[in-house]
C-alpha atoms as a PDB file:
ATOM      1  CA  MET A   1      47.399  87.667  48.441  1.00  0.00           C
ATOM      2  CA  ASP A   2      46.058  84.659  50.291  1.00  0.00           C
ATOM      3  CA  ARG A   3      42.672  84.886  51.971  1.00  0.00           C
ATOM      4  CA  ILE A   4      42.531  85.287  55.653  1.00  0.00           C
ATOM      5  CA  PHE A   5      39.332  83.919  57.260  1.00  0.00           C
ATOM      6  CA  THR A   6      37.632  85.172  60.384  1.00  0.00           C
ATOM      7  CA  LEU A   7      36.401  82.337  62.631  1.00  0.00           C
ATOM      8  CA  ASP A   8      32.789  83.208  61.668  1.00  0.00           C
ATOM      9  CA  GLU A   9      33.643  83.093  57.914  1.00  0.00           C
ATOM     10  CA  ALA A  10      35.336  79.716  58.243  1.00  0.00           C
ATOM     11  CA  ARG A  11      32.582  78.294  60.404  1.00  0.00           C
ATOM     12  CA  ALA A  12      29.948  79.506  57.858  1.00  0.00           C
ATOM     13  CA  LEU A  13      31.697  77.334  55.205  1.00  0.00           C
ATOM     14  CA  ILE A  14      31.907  74.161  57.313  1.00  0.00           C
ATOM     15  CA  PRO A  15      28.452  72.727  56.405  1.00  0.00           C
ATOM     16  CA  ALA A  16      29.330  72.859  52.705  1.00  0.00           C
ATOM     17  CA  VAL A  17      32.835  71.472  53.427  1.00  0.00           C
ATOM     18  CA  ILE A  18      31.333  68.566  55.300  1.00  0.00           C
ATOM     19  CA  GLU A  19      28.858  67.831  52.520  1.00  0.00           C
ATOM     20  CA  ASP A  20      31.638  67.973  49.928  1.00  0.00           C
ATOM     21  CA  ALA A  21      33.867  65.850  52.129  1.00  0.00           C
ATOM     22  CA  ARG A  22      31.142  63.109  52.170  1.00  0.00           C
ATOM     23  CA  VAL A  23      31.362  63.027  48.310  1.00  0.00           C
ATOM     24  CA  VAL A  24      35.190  62.825  48.495  1.00  0.00           C
ATOM     25  CA  ILE A  25      35.061  60.022  51.148  1.00  0.00           C
ATOM     26  CA  SER A  26      32.588  58.046  49.095  1.00  0.00           C
ATOM     27  CA  ALA A  27      34.575  58.450  45.873  1.00  0.00           C
ATOM     28  CA  ARG A  28      37.809  57.582  47.712  1.00  0.00           C
ATOM     29  CA  ALA A  29      36.239  54.317  48.889  1.00  0.00           C
ATOM     30  CA  ASP A  30      34.821  53.488  45.459  1.00  0.00           C
ATOM     31  CA  LEU A  31      38.120  54.227  43.819  1.00  0.00           C
ATOM     32  CA  ALA A  32      39.908  51.907  46.223  1.00  0.00           C
ATOM     33  CA  GLU A  33      37.341  49.120  45.678  1.00  0.00           C
ATOM     34  CA  ILE A  34      37.348  49.427  41.884  1.00  0.00           C
ATOM     35  CA  ASP A  35      41.146  49.421  41.819  1.00  0.00           C
ATOM     36  CA  PHE A  36      41.441  46.425  44.131  1.00  0.00           C
ATOM     37  CA  ASP A  37      38.762  44.359  42.365  1.00  0.00           C
ATOM     38  CA  ARG A  38      40.265  45.107  38.923  1.00  0.00           C
ATOM     39  CA  ARG A  39      43.673  43.981  40.133  1.00  0.00           C
ATOM     40  CA  THR A  40      42.537  40.889  41.933  1.00  0.00           C
ATOM     41  CA  LYS A  41      39.455  39.790  39.927  1.00  0.00           C
ATOM     42  CA  GLY A  42      39.916  41.555  36.662  1.00  0.00           C
ATOM     43  CA  ARG A  43      36.683  43.514  37.013  1.00  0.00           C
ATOM     44  CA  SER A  44      34.587  45.430  39.552  1.00  0.00           C
ATOM     45  CA  GLU A  45      30.861  45.576  40.155  1.00  0.00           C
ATOM     46  CA  LEU A  46      31.372  49.393  40.571  1.00  0.00           C
ATOM     47  CA  GLY A  47      32.739  49.860  37.090  1.00  0.00           C
ATOM     48  CA  GLY A  48      36.015  50.231  35.339  1.00  0.00           C
ATOM     49  CA  LEU A  49      38.272  52.906  33.949  1.00  0.00           C
ATOM     50  CA  PRO A  50      35.518  55.330  32.878  1.00  0.00           C
ATOM     51  CA  GLU A  51      33.972  55.217  36.349  1.00  0.00           C
ATOM     52  CA  MET A  52      37.370  55.668  37.993  1.00  0.00           C
ATOM     53  CA  LYS A  53      38.142  58.701  35.759  1.00  0.00           C
ATOM     54  CA  GLY A  54      34.695  60.216  36.647  1.00  0.00           C
ATOM     55  CA  LEU A  55      35.284  59.735  40.331  1.00  0.00           C
ATOM     56  CA  GLN A  56      38.740  61.253  40.110  1.00  0.00           C
ATOM     57  CA  ALA A  57      37.382  64.238  38.217  1.00  0.00           C
ATOM     58  CA  ARG A  58      34.719  64.785  40.778  1.00  0.00           C
ATOM     59  CA  VAL A  59      37.200  64.721  43.674  1.00  0.00           C
ATOM     60  CA  GLU A  60      39.498  67.141  41.810  1.00  0.00           C
ATOM     61  CA  GLU A  61      36.588  69.452  41.158  1.00  0.00           C
ATOM     62  CA  ILE A  62      35.812  69.631  44.879  1.00  0.00           C
ATOM     63  CA  LEU A  63      39.400  70.048  45.948  1.00  0.00           C
ATOM     64  CA  SER A  64      39.928  72.840  43.305  1.00  0.00           C
ATOM     65  CA  GLY A  65      36.740  74.554  44.529  1.00  0.00           C
ATOM     66  CA  TRP A  66      38.063  74.593  48.058  1.00  0.00           C
ATOM     67  CA  SER A  67      41.389  75.944  46.931  1.00  0.00           C
ATOM     68  CA  GLU A  68      39.678  78.659  44.848  1.00  0.00           C
ATOM     69  CA  GLN A  69      37.979  79.742  48.048  1.00  0.00           C
ATOM     70  CA  GLY A  70      41.234  80.047  49.887  1.00  0.00           C
ATOM     71  CA  ILE A  71      40.784  76.854  51.877  1.00  0.00           C
ATOM     72  CA  GLU A  72      43.978  74.867  52.093  1.00  0.00           C
ATOM     73  CA  VAL A  73      43.645  71.150  51.342  1.00  0.00           C
ATOM     74  CA  LYS A  74      46.073  69.191  53.511  1.00  0.00           C
ATOM     75  CA  GLY A  75      44.893  65.648  52.809  1.00  0.00           C
ATOM     76  CA  VAL A  76      42.201  63.439  51.367  1.00  0.00           C
ATOM     77  CA  ALA A  77      42.706  60.258  53.392  1.00  0.00           C
ATOM     78  CA  PRO A  78      41.536  61.495  55.787  1.00  0.00           C
ATOM     79  CA  VAL A  79      40.077  64.712  54.461  1.00  0.00           C
ATOM     80  CA  LEU A  80      41.926  67.546  56.196  1.00  0.00           C
ATOM     81  CA  VAL A  81      41.546  71.257  55.418  1.00  0.00           C
ATOM     82  CA  ASP A  82      42.888  74.473  56.949  1.00  0.00           C
ATOM     83  CA  PHE A  83      41.505  78.012  56.841  1.00  0.00           C
ATOM     84  CA  PRO A  84      44.291  80.626  57.055  1.00  0.00           C
ATOM     85  CA  SER A  85      43.462  82.989  59.948  1.00  0.00           C
ATOM     86  CA  GLU A  86      44.917  85.138  62.690  1.00  0.00           C
ATOM     87  CA  LEU A  87      44.328  84.838  66.414  1.00  0.00           C
ATOM     88  CA  ASP A  88      45.694  87.670  68.685  1.00  0.00           C
ATOM     89  CA  GLY A  89      47.903  88.777  65.861  1.00  0.00           C
ATOM     90  CA  VAL A  90      49.412  85.306  65.292  1.00  0.00           C
ATOM     91  CA  SER A  91      49.176  83.446  61.982  1.00  0.00           C
ATOM     92  CA  VAL A  92      47.167  80.278  62.512  1.00  0.00           C
ATOM     93  CA  ARG A  93      45.218  77.751  60.587  1.00  0.00           C
ATOM     94  CA  LEU A  94      41.650  76.919  61.633  1.00  0.00           C
ATOM     95  CA  CYS A  95      41.740  73.156  61.178  1.00  0.00           C
ATOM     96  CA  TRP A  96      38.963  70.664  60.288  1.00  0.00           C
ATOM     97  CA  ILE A  97      39.401  66.936  59.751  1.00  0.00           C
ATOM     98  CA  GLU A  98      36.850  64.421  58.509  1.00  0.00           C
ATOM     99  CA  GLY A  99      34.592  63.095  61.196  1.00  0.00           C
ATOM    100  CA  GLU A 100      34.373  66.386  63.124  1.00  0.00           C
ATOM    101  CA  ARG A 101      30.985  68.034  63.251  1.00  0.00           C
ATOM    102  CA  GLU A 102      32.237  71.605  63.629  1.00  0.00           C
ATOM    103  CA  LEU A 103      35.304  73.831  63.277  1.00  0.00           C
ATOM    104  CA  ALA A 104      36.748  73.658  66.786  1.00  0.00           C
ATOM    105  CA  TRP A 105      40.535  73.431  66.358  1.00  0.00           C
ATOM    106  CA  TYR A 106      43.428  75.606  65.296  1.00  0.00           C
ATOM    107  CA  HIS A 107      47.148  75.442  65.150  1.00  0.00           C
ATOM    108  CA  ARG A 108      49.890  78.001  64.703  1.00  0.00           C
ATOM    109  CA  THR A 109      50.822  78.067  60.981  1.00  0.00           C
ATOM    110  CA  GLU A 110      54.424  76.932  61.502  1.00  0.00           C
ATOM    111  CA  LEU A 111      53.461  74.029  63.809  1.00  0.00           C
ATOM    112  CA  GLY A 112      51.010  72.163  61.603  1.00  0.00           C
ATOM    113  CA  PHE A 113      48.598  69.443  62.754  1.00  0.00           C
ATOM    114  CA  ALA A 114      50.850  68.359  65.665  1.00  0.00           C
ATOM    115  CA  GLY A 115      50.329  71.772  67.191  1.00  0.00           C
ATOM    116  CA  ARG A 116      46.495  71.508  67.148  1.00  0.00           C
ATOM    117  CA  ARG A 117      44.626  73.095  70.018  1.00  0.00           C
ATOM    118  CA  PRO A 118      40.912  73.580  70.768  1.00  0.00           C
ATOM    119  CA  LEU A 119      39.489  77.016  69.878  1.00  0.00           C
END
């Protein structure tokens, strides 16, 4: 059975999600730069294949950790996560996207991001 979060439970996890998201965002940028530099210049100041593999492994570790907690990963560029929940008996997703400072949005499960509303 999938985890259902209360609003308080999801909000309690947001500081850790934001911190982990910073790591994902930094790794995402480094991966893009290494890849571009290797293709255009043949090398990157940020490293090569071993560094790329390490960054990819770190991102996967974070995303897997979120999934293990019941957090749904919807995207990495931008980082977008949902917390399955219920509001007034309706299945919803408490929704956080990179750049937000708190968990302040939700959408009905079947509507997705386009149906986002403030809590």
